Amino acid sequence: MPLVASAVGGIAEVFEHGHSAWLLPPGDEDALVATLKRLYWRAEERRRLAENAYRKVSENFMIHQMAARYLQEVYRD
């Protein structure tokens, strides 16, 4: 499933609009409807967005990766 979300907080920092997500202005119901219609008819775009989002999360935000980065920052020489 592709990621469709409001471009707020960390979401906009992690995911790139049009590459790994479809980011919308908060509260913009018309943009949400238009985006859902667009993605409904474009299977390849849905697949590409979902794959890119999964790759971004699996490469950067798995618990073991986050713990290793945290330990490296806290306990570096």
Protein backbone atom coordinates (compact mmCIF):
# COMPACT_ATOMS: atom_id res chain seq x y z
CA MET A 1 0.00 0.00 0.00
CA PRO A 2 1.36 3.44 -0.83
CA LEU A 3 1.82 6.01 1.90
CA VAL A 4 -0.55 8.98 1.76
CA ALA A 5 -0.11 11.36 4.68
CA SER A 6 -0.18 14.96 5.82
CA ALA A 7 3.15 16.71 5.43
CA VAL A 8 3.59 17.43 9.14
CA GLY A 9 6.30 16.78 11.70
CA GLY A 10 8.77 14.02 11.03
CA ILE A 11 6.75 12.52 8.19
CA ALA A 12 7.86 15.25 5.80
CA GLU A 13 11.46 14.83 6.99
CA VAL A 14 11.52 11.07 6.41
CA PHE A 15 9.49 10.59 3.26
CA GLU A 16 9.90 12.39 -0.04
CA HIS A 17 6.76 13.58 -1.81
CA GLY A 18 6.21 11.72 -5.06
CA HIS A 19 9.05 9.28 -4.37
CA SER A 20 8.26 7.38 -1.18
CA ALA A 21 4.93 8.96 -0.25
CA TRP A 22 2.22 11.29 -1.37
CA LEU A 23 2.36 14.16 1.13
CA LEU A 24 -0.59 16.51 1.42
CA PRO A 25 -1.22 19.78 3.21
CA PRO A 26 -2.89 19.17 6.59
CA GLY A 27 -6.66 19.38 6.43
CA ASP A 28 -6.85 19.58 2.64
CA GLU A 29 -9.74 17.23 1.97
CA ASP A 30 -9.85 18.06 -1.75
CA ALA A 31 -6.19 17.11 -2.14
CA LEU A 32 -6.82 13.84 -0.30
CA VAL A 33 -9.75 12.93 -2.58
CA ALA A 34 -7.77 13.86 -5.70
CA THR A 35 -4.75 11.84 -4.55
CA LEU A 36 -6.79 8.76 -3.71
CA LYS A 37 -8.49 8.92 -7.12
CA ARG A 38 -5.13 9.33 -8.83
CA LEU A 39 -3.58 6.38 -7.02
CA TYR A 40 -6.66 4.22 -7.56
CA TRP A 41 -6.13 4.39 -11.32
CA ARG A 42 -2.32 4.17 -11.32
CA ALA A 43 -1.22 0.75 -10.11
CA GLU A 44 2.42 1.27 -11.11
CA GLU A 45 2.62 4.50 -9.12
CA ARG A 46 1.08 2.78 -6.07
CA ARG A 47 3.63 -0.01 -6.34
CA ARG A 48 6.58 2.36 -6.77
CA LEU A 49 5.57 4.54 -3.80
CA ALA A 50 5.03 1.51 -1.57
CA GLU A 51 8.36 -0.07 -2.52
CA ASN A 52 10.29 3.16 -1.98
CA ALA A 53 8.64 3.76 1.40
CA TYR A 54 9.37 0.19 2.51
CA ARG A 55 13.00 0.53 1.40
CA LYS A 56 13.38 3.82 3.29
CA VAL A 57 11.99 2.36 6.52
CA SER A 58 13.78 -0.98 6.31
CA GLU A 59 17.15 0.67 5.61
CA ASN A 60 16.91 3.37 8.26
CA PHE A 61 14.32 2.74 10.93
CA MET A 62 14.47 -0.88 12.04
CA ILE A 63 14.98 -1.18 15.78
CA HIS A 64 18.43 -2.77 15.56
CA GLN A 65 19.67 0.01 13.25
CA MET A 66 18.27 2.74 15.45
CA ALA A 67 19.73 1.16 18.60
CA ALA A 68 23.16 0.81 16.99
CA ARG A 69 23.16 4.48 15.89
CA TYR A 70 22.04 5.57 19.35
CA LEU A 71 24.76 3.56 21.09
CA GLN A 72 27.37 4.87 18.69
CA GLU A 73 26.34 8.45 19.43
CA VAL A 74 26.13 8.02 23.19
CA TYR A 75 29.24 5.91 23.72
CA ARG A 76 31.60 7.08 21.00
CA ASP A 77 35.16 7.81 22.05
